[in-house]
Amino acid sequence: MEEKKPSQLTDQELLQEVKKQKSTSIINAFLIGFLIGIIFYSIIKNSLGFFTLIPLFLAYKLINNSKYNAKELENLLKERNLK
């Protein structure tokens, strides 16, 4: 299946993508907070080590995992007078 640009999405697909992105961002925020908690605990308990870097890498991947740019989707919603 071919990836569509946000400007090529239909109104329904665009609304579904925005809804999906909101729920994904909430889950990602929870996971990032949890991983940062693990990092702080690891630093306090054991100092900086290998097991501190694993949650740090996972948090980085979650932050940079968005499929479409949020601002681009918001601009398209305003442009099409949706929501």
N, C-alpha and C. Protein backbone atom coordinates (compact mmCIF):
# COMPACT_ATOMS: atom_id res chain seq x y z
N MET A 1 0.83 -1.17 0.00
CA MET A 1 0.00 0.00 0.00
C MET A 1 0.88 1.25 0.00
N GLU A 2 0.55 2.18 -0.82
CA GLU A 2 1.36 3.36 -1.01
C GLU A 2 1.02 4.44 0.02
N GLU A 3 2.04 5.12 0.54
CA GLU A 3 1.84 6.19 1.50
C GLU A 3 1.31 7.43 0.77
N LYS A 4 0.27 8.03 1.34
CA LYS A 4 -0.27 9.25 0.76
C LYS A 4 0.27 10.45 1.51
N LYS A 5 0.43 11.54 0.81
CA LYS A 5 0.78 12.79 1.46
C LYS A 5 -0.48 13.30 2.17
N PRO A 6 -0.31 14.06 3.24
CA PRO A 6 -1.49 14.56 3.95
C PRO A 6 -2.42 15.39 3.06
N SER A 7 -1.89 16.09 2.09
CA SER A 7 -2.74 16.89 1.21
C SER A 7 -3.57 16.02 0.26
N GLN A 8 -3.18 14.76 0.08
CA GLN A 8 -3.90 13.85 -0.80
C GLN A 8 -4.98 13.05 -0.08
N LEU A 9 -5.04 13.18 1.25
CA LEU A 9 -6.04 12.44 2.02
C LEU A 9 -7.42 13.04 1.83
N THR A 10 -8.43 12.18 1.84
CA THR A 10 -9.80 12.68 1.81
C THR A 10 -10.15 13.26 3.17
N ASP A 11 -11.30 13.93 3.25
CA ASP A 11 -11.71 14.54 4.52
C ASP A 11 -11.85 13.49 5.62
N GLN A 12 -12.46 12.37 5.31
CA GLN A 12 -12.64 11.30 6.30
C GLN A 12 -11.31 10.73 6.74
N GLU A 13 -10.42 10.48 5.80
CA GLU A 13 -9.10 9.95 6.13
C GLU A 13 -8.30 10.95 6.97
N LEU A 14 -8.45 12.23 6.66
CA LEU A 14 -7.74 13.26 7.41
C LEU A 14 -8.25 13.32 8.85
N LEU A 15 -9.57 13.26 9.04
CA LEU A 15 -10.12 13.28 10.38
C LEU A 15 -9.72 12.03 11.17
N GLN A 16 -9.69 10.89 10.51
CA GLN A 16 -9.26 9.65 11.17
C GLN A 16 -7.78 9.73 11.56
N GLU A 17 -6.98 10.31 10.70
CA GLU A 17 -5.54 10.42 10.98
C GLU A 17 -5.29 11.36 12.16
N VAL A 18 -6.04 12.45 12.26
CA VAL A 18 -5.89 13.37 13.38
C VAL A 18 -6.31 12.69 14.67
N LYS A 19 -7.41 11.94 14.62
CA LYS A 19 -7.89 11.23 15.82
C LYS A 19 -6.88 10.18 16.25
N LYS A 20 -6.32 9.47 15.27
CA LYS A 20 -5.32 8.44 15.57
C LYS A 20 -4.06 9.07 16.16
N GLN A 21 -3.67 10.23 15.63
CA GLN A 21 -2.47 10.89 16.11
C GLN A 21 -2.64 11.39 17.54
N LYS A 22 -3.85 11.85 17.89
CA LYS A 22 -4.10 12.31 19.26
C LYS A 22 -3.98 11.16 20.25
N SER A 23 -4.59 10.02 19.93
CA SER A 23 -4.52 8.88 20.85
C SER A 23 -3.09 8.34 20.94
N THR A 24 -2.39 8.35 19.84
CA THR A 24 -1.01 7.88 19.84
C THR A 24 -0.12 8.81 20.66
N SER A 25 -0.37 10.11 20.58
CA SER A 25 0.46 11.05 21.33
C SER A 25 0.24 10.91 22.83
N ILE A 26 -0.97 10.58 23.26
CA ILE A 26 -1.24 10.36 24.68
C ILE A 26 -0.49 9.13 25.18
N ILE A 27 -0.56 8.06 24.43
CA ILE A 27 0.14 6.82 24.79
C ILE A 27 1.65 7.06 24.80
N ASN A 28 2.16 7.76 23.80
CA ASN A 28 3.60 8.05 23.74
C ASN A 28 4.04 8.91 24.92
N ALA A 29 3.21 9.88 25.32
CA ALA A 29 3.57 10.73 26.45
C ALA A 29 3.67 9.91 27.73
N PHE A 30 2.74 8.97 27.92
CA PHE A 30 2.80 8.10 29.09
C PHE A 30 4.06 7.24 29.08
N LEU A 31 4.36 6.64 27.94
CA LEU A 31 5.53 5.78 27.83
C LEU A 31 6.83 6.56 28.01
N ILE A 32 6.90 7.76 27.46
CA ILE A 32 8.09 8.58 27.61
C ILE A 32 8.29 8.95 29.08
N GLY A 33 7.22 9.32 29.76
CA GLY A 33 7.32 9.63 31.18
C GLY A 33 7.77 8.43 31.99
N PHE A 34 7.24 7.27 31.67
CA PHE A 34 7.63 6.04 32.35
C PHE A 34 9.12 5.74 32.12
N LEU A 35 9.57 5.88 30.88
CA LEU A 35 10.97 5.62 30.56
C LEU A 35 11.91 6.63 31.22
N ILE A 36 11.48 7.89 31.29
CA ILE A 36 12.29 8.89 31.97
C ILE A 36 12.37 8.58 33.46
N GLY A 37 11.28 8.08 34.03
CA GLY A 37 11.31 7.64 35.43
C GLY A 37 12.31 6.52 35.64
N ILE A 38 12.35 5.57 34.72
CA ILE A 38 13.32 4.47 34.79
C ILE A 38 14.74 5.02 34.70
N ILE A 39 14.95 6.01 33.83
CA ILE A 39 16.28 6.60 33.69
C ILE A 39 16.72 7.27 34.99
N PHE A 40 15.82 8.06 35.59
CA PHE A 40 16.17 8.73 36.85
C PHE A 40 16.46 7.72 37.95
N TYR A 41 15.63 6.69 38.05
CA TYR A 41 15.85 5.66 39.05
C TYR A 41 17.20 4.97 38.83
N SER A 42 17.50 4.67 37.58
CA SER A 42 18.75 4.00 37.26
C SER A 42 19.95 4.87 37.59
N ILE A 43 19.85 6.17 37.31
CA ILE A 43 20.96 7.08 37.60
C ILE A 43 21.16 7.21 39.11
N ILE A 44 20.07 7.34 39.85
CA ILE A 44 20.18 7.49 41.30
C ILE A 44 20.69 6.21 41.95
N LYS A 45 20.20 5.08 41.49
CA LYS A 45 20.56 3.79 42.11
C LYS A 45 21.94 3.30 41.69
N ASN A 46 22.25 3.36 40.41
CA ASN A 46 23.47 2.71 39.91
C ASN A 46 24.45 3.62 39.20
N SER A 47 24.15 4.87 39.08
CA SER A 47 24.95 5.79 38.29
C SER A 47 24.60 5.57 36.81
N LEU A 48 25.34 6.16 35.92
CA LEU A 48 25.08 6.05 34.49
C LEU A 48 25.66 4.75 33.97
N GLY A 49 24.85 3.97 33.25
CA GLY A 49 25.34 2.69 32.75
C GLY A 49 24.60 2.28 31.49
N PHE A 50 24.81 1.06 31.08
CA PHE A 50 24.21 0.52 29.86
C PHE A 50 22.69 0.47 29.96
N PHE A 51 22.16 0.09 31.11
CA PHE A 51 20.72 -0.03 31.26
C PHE A 51 20.02 1.33 31.31
N THR A 52 20.78 2.38 31.48
CA THR A 52 20.22 3.73 31.40
C THR A 52 20.06 4.14 29.94
N LEU A 53 20.92 3.67 29.09
CA LEU A 53 20.89 4.06 27.68
C LEU A 53 19.75 3.41 26.91
N ILE A 54 19.31 2.22 27.31
CA ILE A 54 18.23 1.53 26.60
C ILE A 54 16.92 2.32 26.70
N PRO A 55 16.46 2.71 27.91
CA PRO A 55 15.23 3.51 27.96
C PRO A 55 15.39 4.88 27.29
N LEU A 56 16.59 5.44 27.34
CA LEU A 56 16.83 6.71 26.68
C LEU A 56 16.67 6.57 25.17
N PHE A 57 17.18 5.51 24.60
CA PHE A 57 17.03 5.25 23.16
C PHE A 57 15.56 5.01 22.80
N LEU A 58 14.85 4.24 23.62
CA LEU A 58 13.43 3.98 23.36
C LEU A 58 12.60 5.26 23.43
N ALA A 59 12.89 6.13 24.38
CA ALA A 59 12.17 7.41 24.49
C ALA A 59 12.44 8.26 23.25
N TYR A 60 13.68 8.27 22.78
CA TYR A 60 14.02 9.02 21.57
C TYR A 60 13.24 8.50 20.36
N LYS A 61 13.14 7.18 20.22
CA LYS A 61 12.40 6.59 19.10
C LYS A 61 10.91 6.94 19.17
N LEU A 62 10.33 6.95 20.37
CA LEU A 62 8.92 7.30 20.52
C LEU A 62 8.66 8.76 20.17
N ILE A 63 9.60 9.62 20.51
CA ILE A 63 9.42 11.04 20.23
C ILE A 63 9.46 11.30 18.72
N ASN A 64 10.31 10.62 18.01
CA ASN A 64 10.48 10.85 16.57
C ASN A 64 9.68 9.90 15.70
N ASN A 65 8.60 9.33 16.22
CA ASN A 65 7.90 8.28 15.50
C ASN A 65 6.66 8.77 14.74
N SER A 66 6.36 10.05 14.72
CA SER A 66 5.12 10.50 14.10
C SER A 66 5.15 10.30 12.59
N LYS A 67 4.03 9.87 12.05
CA LYS A 67 3.92 9.58 10.63
C LYS A 67 3.78 10.86 9.81
N TYR A 68 2.91 11.75 10.27
CA TYR A 68 2.70 13.03 9.62
C TYR A 68 3.02 14.15 10.60
N ASN A 69 3.36 15.28 10.07
CA ASN A 69 3.64 16.45 10.89
C ASN A 69 2.32 16.97 11.46
N ALA A 70 2.26 17.21 12.77
CA ALA A 70 1.03 17.65 13.43
C ALA A 70 0.58 19.02 12.93
N LYS A 71 1.51 19.92 12.71
CA LYS A 71 1.15 21.26 12.24
C LYS A 71 0.58 21.20 10.83
N GLU A 72 1.12 20.33 10.02
CA GLU A 72 0.62 20.18 8.65
C GLU A 72 -0.82 19.68 8.65
N LEU A 73 -1.11 18.72 9.53
CA LEU A 73 -2.47 18.21 9.64
C LEU A 73 -3.42 19.29 10.16
N GLU A 74 -2.99 20.07 11.14
CA GLU A 74 -3.82 21.15 11.67
C GLU A 74 -4.11 22.20 10.59
N ASN A 75 -3.10 22.54 9.80
CA ASN A 75 -3.31 23.51 8.73
C ASN A 75 -4.29 22.99 7.69
N LEU A 76 -4.21 21.71 7.37
CA LEU A 76 -5.14 21.12 6.42
C LEU A 76 -6.57 21.12 6.97
N LEU A 77 -6.73 20.86 8.26
CA LEU A 77 -8.05 20.91 8.87
C LEU A 77 -8.64 22.31 8.78
N LYS A 78 -7.85 23.31 9.06
CA LYS A 78 -8.34 24.69 8.97
C LYS A 78 -8.64 25.08 7.53
N GLU A 79 -7.79 24.64 6.62
CA GLU A 79 -7.96 24.95 5.21
C GLU A 79 -9.24 24.36 4.65
N ARG A 80 -9.58 23.16 5.07
CA ARG A 80 -10.78 22.47 4.58
C ARG A 80 -12.02 22.76 5.45
N ASN A 81 -11.87 23.61 6.45
CA ASN A 81 -12.96 23.95 7.36
C ASN A 81 -13.56 22.74 8.05
N LEU A 82 -12.70 21.85 8.51
CA LEU A 82 -13.12 20.66 9.24
C LEU A 82 -12.86 20.91 10.72
N LYS A 83 -13.74 20.41 11.53
CA LYS A 83 -13.64 20.51 12.98
C LYS A 83 -13.70 21.90 13.44
